[in-house]
Amino acid sequence: MMNAKLHDICTRIARLEADRKAIADEISEIKKAAKEDGYDTALIGKTVRLINMKPGKRQAALEQHELFDTYLAAAGLLPEFEPTSQHDPVTGEVNETPASFAHGDAGQEGGDSSQFAPPSELSEVAA
């Protein structure tokens, strides 16, 4: 005796698993092509994770990256780096927010902040 509802659930899950594998294969192909073009795929992955973050979390992550650059410069590892904001070296607190962060455009001068909206928010931005 077959339970139609259970069969439907299992069939839908199997189809989605196949879709997930197809998407993963496509992502792998894109990364392979990017690597062949000389791009660093690990940095591409980090960039994609930033793009998919909610704006507030993305801003905090970008500020953390800038703070790290400030530390590297202070250690003499980035001699020509000039931070766009000042950080308290003990607390890491931002003393001045760069204009690009204040506008929520993820550091792109004159950029459209919807360009980096997470996929779940893209439909809201387009509407």
C-alpha atoms as a PDB file:
ATOM      1  CA  MET A   1       0.000   0.000   0.000  1.00  0.00           C
ATOM      2  CA  MET A   2       1.504   3.307  -1.130  1.00  0.00           C
ATOM      3  CA  ASN A   3       0.946   6.528   0.780  1.00  0.00           C
ATOM      4  CA  ALA A   4       0.421   9.181  -1.941  1.00  0.00           C
ATOM      5  CA  LYS A   5       1.351  12.093   0.314  1.00  0.00           C
ATOM      6  CA  LEU A   6       4.619  10.458   1.420  1.00  0.00           C
ATOM      7  CA  HIS A   7       5.425   9.569  -2.193  1.00  0.00           C
ATOM      8  CA  ASP A   8       4.847  13.204  -3.226  1.00  0.00           C
ATOM      9  CA  ILE A   9       7.107  14.479  -0.423  1.00  0.00           C
ATOM     10  CA  CYS A  10       9.902  12.062  -1.354  1.00  0.00           C
ATOM     11  CA  THR A  11       9.601  12.877  -5.065  1.00  0.00           C
ATOM     12  CA  ARG A  12       9.763  16.621  -4.420  1.00  0.00           C
ATOM     13  CA  ILE A  13      12.824  16.214  -2.177  1.00  0.00           C
ATOM     14  CA  ALA A  14      14.547  14.024  -4.786  1.00  0.00           C
ATOM     15  CA  ARG A  15      13.877  16.671  -7.477  1.00  0.00           C
ATOM     16  CA  LEU A  16      15.246  19.440  -5.264  1.00  0.00           C
ATOM     17  CA  GLU A  17      18.344  17.365  -4.449  1.00  0.00           C
ATOM     18  CA  ALA A  18      18.957  16.969  -8.201  1.00  0.00           C
ATOM     19  CA  ASP A  19      18.467  20.733  -8.688  1.00  0.00           C
ATOM     20  CA  ARG A  20      20.902  21.446  -5.857  1.00  0.00           C
ATOM     21  CA  LYS A  21      23.523  19.192  -7.467  1.00  0.00           C
ATOM     22  CA  ALA A  22      23.021  20.902 -10.848  1.00  0.00           C
ATOM     23  CA  ILE A  23      23.452  24.326  -9.216  1.00  0.00           C
ATOM     24  CA  ALA A  24      26.573  23.172  -7.346  1.00  0.00           C
ATOM     25  CA  ASP A  25      28.016  21.869 -10.628  1.00  0.00           C
ATOM     26  CA  GLU A  26      27.284  25.202 -12.331  1.00  0.00           C
ATOM     27  CA  ILE A  27      28.943  27.138  -9.479  1.00  0.00           C
ATOM     28  CA  SER A  28      31.996  24.876  -9.774  1.00  0.00           C
ATOM     29  CA  GLU A  29      32.195  25.569 -13.523  1.00  0.00           C
ATOM     30  CA  ILE A  30      31.981  29.324 -12.921  1.00  0.00           C
ATOM     31  CA  LYS A  31      34.725  29.157 -10.271  1.00  0.00           C
ATOM     32  CA  LYS A  32      36.915  27.051 -12.561  1.00  0.00           C
ATOM     33  CA  ALA A  33      36.535  29.621 -15.355  1.00  0.00           C
ATOM     34  CA  ALA A  34      37.286  32.446 -12.922  1.00  0.00           C
ATOM     35  CA  LYS A  35      40.424  30.658 -11.736  1.00  0.00           C
ATOM     36  CA  GLU A  36      41.530  30.163 -15.353  1.00  0.00           C
ATOM     37  CA  ASP A  37      41.086  33.924 -15.827  1.00  0.00           C
ATOM     38  CA  GLY A  38      43.435  34.536 -12.901  1.00  0.00           C
ATOM     39  CA  TYR A  39      40.920  35.292 -10.163  1.00  0.00           C
ATOM     40  CA  ASP A  40      41.331  34.008  -6.619  1.00  0.00           C
ATOM     41  CA  THR A  41      38.313  31.771  -6.018  1.00  0.00           C
ATOM     42  CA  ALA A  42      38.663  31.944  -2.236  1.00  0.00           C
ATOM     43  CA  LEU A  43      38.318  35.733  -2.411  1.00  0.00           C
ATOM     44  CA  ILE A  44      35.396  35.367  -4.805  1.00  0.00           C
ATOM     45  CA  GLY A  45      33.712  33.162  -2.189  1.00  0.00           C
ATOM     46  CA  LYS A  46      34.306  35.765   0.517  1.00  0.00           C
ATOM     47  CA  THR A  47      32.938  38.480  -1.775  1.00  0.00           C
ATOM     48  CA  VAL A  48      29.805  36.439  -2.493  1.00  0.00           C
ATOM     49  CA  ARG A  49      29.272  35.915   1.246  1.00  0.00           C
ATOM     50  CA  LEU A  50      29.510  39.708   1.764  1.00  0.00           C
ATOM     51  CA  ILE A  51      27.056  40.332  -1.081  1.00  0.00           C
ATOM     52  CA  ASN A  52      24.577  37.907   0.502  1.00  0.00           C
ATOM     53  CA  MET A  53      24.753  39.560   3.944  1.00  0.00           C
ATOM     54  CA  LYS A  54      22.079  41.901   5.180  1.00  0.00           C
ATOM     55  CA  PRO A  55      23.238  45.537   4.836  1.00  0.00           C
ATOM     56  CA  GLY A  56      23.912  46.111   8.559  1.00  0.00           C
ATOM     57  CA  LYS A  57      25.932  42.938   8.920  1.00  0.00           C
ATOM     58  CA  ARG A  58      27.779  43.696   5.664  1.00  0.00           C
ATOM     59  CA  GLN A  59      28.718  47.150   6.946  1.00  0.00           C
ATOM     60  CA  ALA A  60      30.087  45.655  10.166  1.00  0.00           C
ATOM     61  CA  ALA A  61      32.083  43.081   8.191  1.00  0.00           C
ATOM     62  CA  LEU A  62      33.531  45.759   5.907  1.00  0.00           C
ATOM     63  CA  GLU A  63      34.475  47.872   8.918  1.00  0.00           C
ATOM     64  CA  GLN A  64      36.194  44.801  10.403  1.00  0.00           C
ATOM     65  CA  HIS A  65      38.156  44.377   7.158  1.00  0.00           C
ATOM     66  CA  GLU A  66      39.185  48.013   7.278  1.00  0.00           C
ATOM     67  CA  LEU A  67      40.247  47.647  10.903  1.00  0.00           C
ATOM     68  CA  PHE A  68      42.370  44.651   9.909  1.00  0.00           C
ATOM     69  CA  ASP A  69      44.020  46.758   7.188  1.00  0.00           C
ATOM     70  CA  THR A  70      44.696  49.429   9.826  1.00  0.00           C
ATOM     71  CA  TYR A  71      46.396  46.816  12.016  1.00  0.00           C
ATOM     72  CA  LEU A  72      48.442  45.540   9.071  1.00  0.00           C
ATOM     73  CA  ALA A  73      49.515  49.096   8.239  1.00  0.00           C
ATOM     74  CA  ALA A  74      50.438  49.744  11.873  1.00  0.00           C
ATOM     75  CA  ALA A  75      52.556  46.588  11.799  1.00  0.00           C
ATOM     76  CA  GLY A  76      54.327  47.919   8.698  1.00  0.00           C
ATOM     77  CA  LEU A  77      52.806  45.367   6.348  1.00  0.00           C
ATOM     78  CA  LEU A  78      50.800  47.896   4.311  1.00  0.00           C
ATOM     79  CA  PRO A  79      53.068  50.940   4.181  1.00  0.00           C
ATOM     80  CA  GLU A  80      50.920  52.930   1.724  1.00  0.00           C
ATOM     81  CA  PHE A  81      47.532  52.183   3.313  1.00  0.00           C
ATOM     82  CA  GLU A  82      45.569  55.205   4.526  1.00  0.00           C
ATOM     83  CA  PRO A  83      42.412  54.248   6.435  1.00  0.00           C
ATOM     84  CA  THR A  84      39.276  56.214   5.625  1.00  0.00           C
ATOM     85  CA  SER A  85      38.288  56.153   9.281  1.00  0.00           C
ATOM     86  CA  GLN A  86      40.028  55.960  12.617  1.00  0.00           C
ATOM     87  CA  HIS A  87      39.733  52.991  14.967  1.00  0.00           C
ATOM     88  CA  ASP A  88      40.485  52.804  18.633  1.00  0.00           C
ATOM     89  CA  PRO A  89      43.378  50.299  18.699  1.00  0.00           C
ATOM     90  CA  VAL A  90      42.178  48.772  21.969  1.00  0.00           C
ATOM     91  CA  THR A  91      38.419  48.461  21.407  1.00  0.00           C
ATOM     92  CA  GLY A  92      38.344  48.548  17.606  1.00  0.00           C
ATOM     93  CA  GLU A  93      35.549  51.113  17.839  1.00  0.00           C
ATOM     94  CA  VAL A  94      35.104  53.257  14.735  1.00  0.00           C
ATOM     95  CA  ASN A  95      35.617  56.926  15.577  1.00  0.00           C
ATOM     96  CA  GLU A  96      34.488  58.229  12.201  1.00  0.00           C
ATOM     97  CA  THR A  97      32.302  56.402   9.685  1.00  0.00           C
ATOM     98  CA  PRO A  98      33.472  56.694   6.067  1.00  0.00           C
ATOM     99  CA  ALA A  99      30.971  58.304   3.717  1.00  0.00           C
ATOM    100  CA  SER A 100      30.735  55.143   1.627  1.00  0.00           C
ATOM    101  CA  PHE A 101      29.579  53.143   4.684  1.00  0.00           C
ATOM    102  CA  ALA A 102      27.187  55.841   5.829  1.00  0.00           C
ATOM    103  CA  HIS A 103      25.294  55.573   2.553  1.00  0.00           C
ATOM    104  CA  GLY A 104      25.118  51.771   2.751  1.00  0.00           C
ATOM    105  CA  ASP A 105      26.639  51.267  -0.697  1.00  0.00           C
ATOM    106  CA  ALA A 106      29.333  48.801   0.422  1.00  0.00           C
ATOM    107  CA  GLY A 107      32.099  51.181  -0.547  1.00  0.00           C
ATOM    108  CA  GLN A 108      31.059  51.916  -4.113  1.00  0.00           C
ATOM    109  CA  GLU A 109      31.115  55.598  -4.861  1.00  0.00           C
ATOM    110  CA  GLY A 110      27.776  56.598  -6.347  1.00  0.00           C
ATOM    111  CA  GLY A 111      26.764  52.935  -6.438  1.00  0.00           C
ATOM    112  CA  ASP A 112      23.275  51.537  -6.229  1.00  0.00           C
ATOM    113  CA  SER A 113      22.995  49.819  -2.844  1.00  0.00           C
ATOM    114  CA  SER A 114      20.460  47.385  -4.313  1.00  0.00           C
ATOM    115  CA  GLN A 115      23.294  45.978  -6.431  1.00  0.00           C
ATOM    116  CA  PHE A 116      24.567  44.165  -3.340  1.00  0.00           C
ATOM    117  CA  ALA A 117      21.231  43.291  -1.796  1.00  0.00           C
ATOM    118  CA  PRO A 118      20.930  39.661  -0.738  1.00  0.00           C
ATOM    119  CA  PRO A 119      18.921  37.572  -3.214  1.00  0.00           C
ATOM    120  CA  SER A 120      16.006  37.453  -0.778  1.00  0.00           C
ATOM    121  CA  GLU A 121      15.832  41.263  -0.834  1.00  0.00           C
ATOM    122  CA  LEU A 122      16.250  41.731  -4.595  1.00  0.00           C
ATOM    123  CA  SER A 123      12.548  41.317  -5.306  1.00  0.00           C
ATOM    124  CA  GLU A 124      11.791  43.969  -2.683  1.00  0.00           C
ATOM    125  CA  VAL A 125      14.313  46.376  -4.229  1.00  0.00           C
ATOM    126  CA  ALA A 126      12.963  45.845  -7.736  1.00  0.00           C
ATOM    127  CA  ALA A 127       9.362  46.438  -6.652  1.00  0.00           C
END
